[in-house]
C-alpha atoms as a PDB file:
ATOM      1  CA  MET A   1      23.626 -90.421 -45.794  1.00  0.00           C
ATOM      2  CA  ASN A   2      26.561 -89.366 -43.383  1.00  0.00           C
ATOM      3  CA  ALA A   3      29.080 -91.967 -42.171  1.00  0.00           C
ATOM      4  CA  LEU A   4      31.369 -90.967 -39.513  1.00  0.00           C
ATOM      5  CA  LEU A   5      34.412 -93.035 -39.462  1.00  0.00           C
ATOM      6  CA  PRO A   6      36.631 -93.392 -36.082  1.00  0.00           C
ATOM      7  CA  THR A   7      39.714 -91.617 -36.815  1.00  0.00           C
ATOM      8  CA  GLY A   8      40.271 -89.847 -34.283  1.00  0.00           C
ATOM      9  CA  ASP A   9      41.655 -91.034 -30.555  1.00  0.00           C
ATOM     10  CA  PRO A  10      38.967 -90.770 -28.211  1.00  0.00           C
ATOM     11  CA  TYR A  11      40.880 -90.870 -25.066  1.00  0.00           C
ATOM     12  CA  ASN A  12      42.470 -87.201 -25.883  1.00  0.00           C
ATOM     13  CA  GLY A  13      38.641 -86.100 -26.991  1.00  0.00           C
ATOM     14  CA  LEU A  14      39.199 -86.509 -30.470  1.00  0.00           C
ATOM     15  CA  GLY A  15      36.659 -88.238 -31.683  1.00  0.00           C
ATOM     16  CA  ILE A  16      34.374 -91.272 -29.909  1.00  0.00           C
ATOM     17  CA  GLY A  17      36.119 -94.227 -31.330  1.00  0.00           C
ATOM     18  CA  ALA A  18      33.350 -95.467 -33.085  1.00  0.00           C
ATOM     19  CA  THR A  19      31.386 -95.548 -36.576  1.00  0.00           C
ATOM     20  CA  ALA A  20      28.359 -94.021 -37.493  1.00  0.00           C
ATOM     21  CA  VAL A  21      25.858 -94.153 -40.211  1.00  0.00           C
ATOM     22  CA  ARG A  22      23.159 -91.299 -40.180  1.00  0.00           C
ATOM     23  CA  PRO A  23      20.590 -91.223 -43.206  1.00  0.00           C
ATOM     24  CA  PHE A  24      18.406 -88.337 -44.031  1.00  0.00           C
ATOM     25  CA  VAL A  25      15.922 -86.813 -45.632  1.00  0.00           C
ATOM     26  CA  ALA A  26      16.464 -82.913 -46.589  1.00  0.00           C
ATOM     27  CA  ALA A  27      13.798 -80.476 -48.603  1.00  0.00           C
ATOM     28  CA  SER A  28      13.902 -77.088 -49.578  1.00  0.00           C
ATOM     29  CA  LYS A  29      11.774 -74.886 -51.749  1.00  0.00           C
ATOM     30  CA  THR A  30      12.554 -71.563 -52.896  1.00  0.00           C
ATOM     31  CA  PHE A  31       9.825 -68.413 -52.459  1.00  0.00           C
ATOM     32  CA  ILE A  32       9.621 -64.998 -52.863  1.00  0.00           C
ATOM     33  CA  PRO A  33      10.996 -63.576 -50.669  1.00  0.00           C
ATOM     34  CA  GLY A  34      13.030 -66.706 -49.225  1.00  0.00           C
ATOM     35  CA  THR A  35      14.029 -70.281 -48.875  1.00  0.00           C
ATOM     36  CA  PRO A  36      12.784 -72.415 -45.985  1.00  0.00           C
ATOM     37  CA  HIS A  37      14.701 -75.824 -45.543  1.00  0.00           C
ATOM     38  CA  VAL A  38      14.143 -78.520 -43.721  1.00  0.00           C
ATOM     39  CA  ASN A  39      15.954 -81.994 -42.960  1.00  0.00           C
ATOM     40  CA  MET A  40      15.754 -85.062 -40.264  1.00  0.00           C
ATOM     41  CA  GLY A  41      18.098 -87.854 -39.553  1.00  0.00           C
ATOM     42  CA  TYR A  42      18.306 -90.831 -37.464  1.00  0.00           C
ATOM     43  CA  GLN A  43      22.008 -91.726 -36.491  1.00  0.00           C
ATOM     44  CA  TRP A  44      23.187 -95.423 -35.265  1.00  0.00           C
ATOM     45  CA  THR A  45      26.669 -95.568 -33.661  1.00  0.00           C
ATOM     46  CA  GLY A  46      28.643 -98.520 -32.481  1.00  0.00           C
ATOM     47  CA  GLN A  47      30.329 -99.188 -29.648  1.00  0.00           C
ATOM     48  CA  SER A  48      32.943 -96.745 -27.888  1.00  0.00           C
ATOM     49  CA  VAL A  49      35.081 -96.963 -24.787  1.00  0.00           C
ATOM     50  CA  LEU A  50      33.460 -93.801 -24.032  1.00  0.00           C
ATOM     51  CA  ALA A  51      29.870 -95.037 -23.519  1.00  0.00           C
ATOM     52  CA  GLY A  52      31.366 -97.889 -21.394  1.00  0.00           C
ATOM     53  CA  ASP A  53      34.517 -98.269 -18.727  1.00  0.00           C
ATOM     54  CA  VAL A  54      37.294 -95.910 -20.042  1.00  0.00           C
ATOM     55  CA  ILE A  55      39.604 -97.206 -17.507  1.00  0.00           C
ATOM     56  CA  ALA A  56      38.536-101.253 -17.652  1.00  0.00           C
ATOM     57  CA  ASN A  57      38.785-100.348 -21.783  1.00  0.00           C
ATOM     58  CA  SER A  58      35.709-102.189 -22.647  1.00  0.00           C
ATOM     59  CA  LYS A  59      33.306-100.333 -24.881  1.00  0.00           C
ATOM     60  CA  GLY A  60      29.626 -99.952 -24.498  1.00  0.00           C
ATOM     61  CA  THR A  61      26.519 -98.854 -26.901  1.00  0.00           C
ATOM     62  CA  VAL A  62      26.615 -95.338 -28.210  1.00  0.00           C
ATOM     63  CA  PRO A  63      22.946 -93.751 -27.889  1.00  0.00           C
ATOM     64  CA  LYS A  64      21.120 -93.566 -30.787  1.00  0.00           C
ATOM     65  CA  GLN A  65      20.252 -90.219 -32.160  1.00  0.00           C
ATOM     66  CA  LEU A  66      17.369 -88.081 -33.876  1.00  0.00           C
ATOM     67  CA  VAL A  67      18.768 -85.139 -35.386  1.00  0.00           C
ATOM     68  CA  TYR A  68      16.476 -82.283 -37.377  1.00  0.00           C
ATOM     69  CA  ALA A  69      16.755 -78.902 -38.323  1.00  0.00           C
ATOM     70  CA  ALA A  70      14.865 -76.297 -39.951  1.00  0.00           C
ATOM     71  CA  GLY A  71      14.836 -72.338 -40.883  1.00  0.00           C
ATOM     72  CA  PHE A  72      15.347 -70.224 -43.710  1.00  0.00           C
ATOM     73  CA  ASP A  73      17.236 -68.216 -46.217  1.00  0.00           C
ATOM     74  CA  ALA A  74      15.870 -64.448 -46.817  1.00  0.00           C
ATOM     75  CA  PRO A  75      17.270 -61.830 -49.014  1.00  0.00           C
ATOM     76  CA  VAL A  76      17.058 -58.469 -47.504  1.00  0.00           C
ATOM     77  CA  GLY A  77      18.762 -55.756 -49.893  1.00  0.00           C
ATOM     78  CA  SER A  78      22.577 -56.821 -50.569  1.00  0.00           C
ATOM     79  CA  PHE A  79      22.076 -59.184 -47.795  1.00  0.00           C
ATOM     80  CA  THR A  80      20.833 -62.784 -47.106  1.00  0.00           C
ATOM     81  CA  ILE A  81      19.350 -63.481 -43.502  1.00  0.00           C
ATOM     82  CA  THR A  82      19.666 -66.713 -42.199  1.00  0.00           C
ATOM     83  CA  PHE A  83      17.755 -68.698 -39.069  1.00  0.00           C
ATOM     84  CA  ASP A  84      17.906 -72.268 -38.112  1.00  0.00           C
ATOM     85  CA  VAL A  85      16.479 -74.251 -34.941  1.00  0.00           C
ATOM     86  CA  ILE A  86      19.017 -77.422 -34.838  1.00  0.00           C
ATOM     87  CA  GLY A  87      18.194 -80.518 -32.249  1.00  0.00           C
ATOM     88  CA  ARG A  88      19.057 -83.640 -31.581  1.00  0.00           C
ATOM     89  CA  GLU A  89      17.451 -85.951 -29.065  1.00  0.00           C
ATOM     90  CA  ILE A  90      19.559 -88.669 -27.506  1.00  0.00           C
ATOM     91  CA  ILE A  91      18.106 -92.082 -26.939  1.00  0.00           C
ATOM     92  CA  ASN A  92      18.854 -93.277 -23.881  1.00  0.00           C
ATOM     93  CA  GLY A  93      21.754 -91.730 -23.332  1.00  0.00           C
ATOM     94  CA  ALA A  94      24.254 -91.509 -19.713  1.00  0.00           C
ATOM     95  CA  ARG A  95      23.147 -88.925 -17.445  1.00  0.00           C
ATOM     96  CA  VAL A  96      24.598 -87.380 -13.771  1.00  0.00           C
ATOM     97  CA  GLY A  97      22.303 -86.155 -11.154  1.00  0.00           C
ATOM     98  CA  LEU A  98      22.300 -85.362  -7.905  1.00  0.00           C
ATOM     99  CA  GLY A  99      20.467 -87.304  -5.056  1.00  0.00           C
ATOM    100  CA  ILE A 100      20.501 -87.780  -1.298  1.00  0.00           C
ATOM    101  CA  GLU A 101      22.285 -90.723  -0.027  1.00  0.00           C
ATOM    102  CA  SER A 102      19.538 -92.739   1.725  1.00  0.00           C
ATOM    103  CA  GLY A 103      19.386 -92.909   6.121  1.00  0.00           C
ATOM    104  CA  SER A 104      21.601 -89.596   5.790  1.00  0.00           C
ATOM    105  CA  GLN A 105      21.600 -85.834   4.321  1.00  0.00           C
ATOM    106  CA  THR A 106      24.744 -86.627   1.895  1.00  0.00           C
ATOM    107  CA  LEU A 107      24.446 -85.091  -1.164  1.00  0.00           C
ATOM    108  CA  VAL A 108      25.907 -87.935  -4.255  1.00  0.00           C
ATOM    109  CA  SER A 109      25.668 -87.953  -8.042  1.00  0.00           C
ATOM    110  CA  THR A 110      23.754 -90.513  -9.821  1.00  0.00           C
ATOM    111  CA  PHE A 111      24.144 -92.023 -12.827  1.00  0.00           C
ATOM    112  CA  TYR A 112      21.124 -93.080 -14.996  1.00  0.00           C
ATOM    113  CA  GLN A 113      20.015 -93.440 -18.733  1.00  0.00           C
ATOM    114  CA  ASP A 114      17.681 -90.937 -20.321  1.00  0.00           C
ATOM    115  CA  THR A 115      16.019 -89.475 -23.390  1.00  0.00           C
ATOM    116  CA  PHE A 116      17.008 -86.016 -23.694  1.00  0.00           C
ATOM    117  CA  GLY A 117      16.849 -83.269 -26.130  1.00  0.00           C
ATOM    118  CA  ILE A 118      19.545 -80.416 -27.130  1.00  0.00           C
ATOM    119  CA  VAL A 119      18.064 -77.316 -28.951  1.00  0.00           C
ATOM    120  CA  ASN A 120      20.423 -74.734 -30.779  1.00  0.00           C
ATOM    121  CA  GLY A 121      19.548 -71.572 -32.633  1.00  0.00           C
ATOM    122  CA  SER A 122      21.238 -70.465 -35.707  1.00  0.00           C
ATOM    123  CA  ALA A 123      21.213 -66.765 -36.776  1.00  0.00           C
ATOM    124  CA  GLY A 124      23.430 -65.200 -39.787  1.00  0.00           C
ATOM    125  CA  LEU A 125      23.740 -62.683 -42.141  1.00  0.00           C
ATOM    126  CA  LYS A 126      25.913 -63.091 -45.697  1.00  0.00           C
ATOM    127  CA  TYR A 127      26.880 -60.299 -48.033  1.00  0.00           C
ATOM    128  CA  LYS A 128      28.068 -60.876 -51.658  1.00  0.00           C
ATOM    129  CA  THR A 129      30.937 -58.522 -52.172  1.00  0.00           C
ATOM    130  CA  ARG A 130      32.029 -59.193 -55.771  1.00  0.00           C
ATOM    131  CA  LYS A 131      30.611 -61.925 -57.827  1.00  0.00           C
ATOM    132  CA  ASN A 132      33.120 -64.623 -56.519  1.00  0.00           C
ATOM    133  CA  VAL A 133      33.763 -63.092 -52.761  1.00  0.00           C
ATOM    134  CA  LEU A 134      30.999 -64.249 -49.759  1.00  0.00           C
ATOM    135  CA  PHE A 135      31.487 -62.842 -46.329  1.00  0.00           C
ATOM    136  CA  THR A 136      29.419 -64.800 -43.457  1.00  0.00           C
ATOM    137  CA  GLY A 137      28.654 -64.120 -39.903  1.00  0.00           C
ATOM    138  CA  ASN A 138      26.907 -66.475 -37.991  1.00  0.00           C
ATOM    139  CA  LEU A 139      25.643 -66.979 -33.997  1.00  0.00           C
ATOM    140  CA  LEU A 140      25.567 -70.538 -32.672  1.00  0.00           C
ATOM    141  CA  PHE A 141      23.198 -70.261 -29.616  1.00  0.00           C
ATOM    142  CA  ARG A 142      21.559 -72.499 -27.045  1.00  0.00           C
ATOM    143  CA  MET A 143      17.892 -72.775 -26.553  1.00  0.00           C
ATOM    144  CA  ASP A 144      17.636 -75.276 -23.974  1.00  0.00           C
ATOM    145  CA  ASP A 145      19.472 -76.906 -20.917  1.00  0.00           C
ATOM    146  CA  GLY A 146      20.420 -80.302 -22.468  1.00  0.00           C
ATOM    147  CA  GLY A 147      24.050 -80.890 -22.414  1.00  0.00           C
ATOM    148  CA  ILE A 148      26.983 -79.281 -21.958  1.00  0.00           C
ATOM    149  CA  ARG A 149      27.972 -76.318 -24.312  1.00  0.00           C
ATOM    150  CA  SER A 150      28.570 -73.222 -24.877  1.00  0.00           C
ATOM    151  CA  ARG A 151      25.840 -70.110 -24.699  1.00  0.00           C
ATOM    152  CA  VAL A 152      26.848 -68.334 -27.945  1.00  0.00           C
ATOM    153  CA  VAL A 153      29.602 -69.794 -30.459  1.00  0.00           C
ATOM    154  CA  PRO A 154      30.473 -67.459 -33.093  1.00  0.00           C
ATOM    155  CA  LEU A 155      31.195 -67.642 -36.823  1.00  0.00           C
ATOM    156  CA  LEU A 156      32.821 -65.707 -39.209  1.00  0.00           C
ATOM    157  CA  GLY A 157      33.982 -66.913 -42.784  1.00  0.00           C
ATOM    158  CA  LEU A 158      34.765 -65.585 -46.631  1.00  0.00           C
ATOM    159  CA  SER A 159      34.357 -67.515 -49.446  1.00  0.00           C
ATOM    160  CA  TYR A 160      35.563 -67.337 -52.934  1.00  0.00           C
ATOM    161  CA  THR A 161      35.147 -69.367 -55.762  1.00  0.00           C
ATOM    162  CA  TRP A 162      37.028 -69.783 -59.064  1.00  0.00           C
ATOM    163  CA  HIS A 163      35.617 -70.048 -62.379  1.00  0.00           C
END
């Protein structure tokens, strides 16, 4: 189970200012030549000004989310390749759309509630140089048009363990 605490300031883009809990299940099985894995959870979040009215400082209910991931790790020589599909369904989330004002040809913004998905892919490569050093390279990329996010996000990592 994950728990998210309201430690940031939602007025400065540092969190949403609400507590959330996400129970989940995870499973993996090592096969030759790789390890598939899957996890799924459901998130409940409390009230936040970001789901209400920021100007009036009134809180609203943050939408619930179904979160999931599935993928695999597979060794290839000295490397390990990884791939994952990571998604979430936002249940009754706030959306903004465009519409035509009735009686005119004026384009206006419309606000409505809708359930929508956000799906990302993640592809990466790990290389173990010495017994305790691991280099990681990864690309997170969007697989649909849900939500506002970057097309590709790179990640480079270096891990070292002491024994």
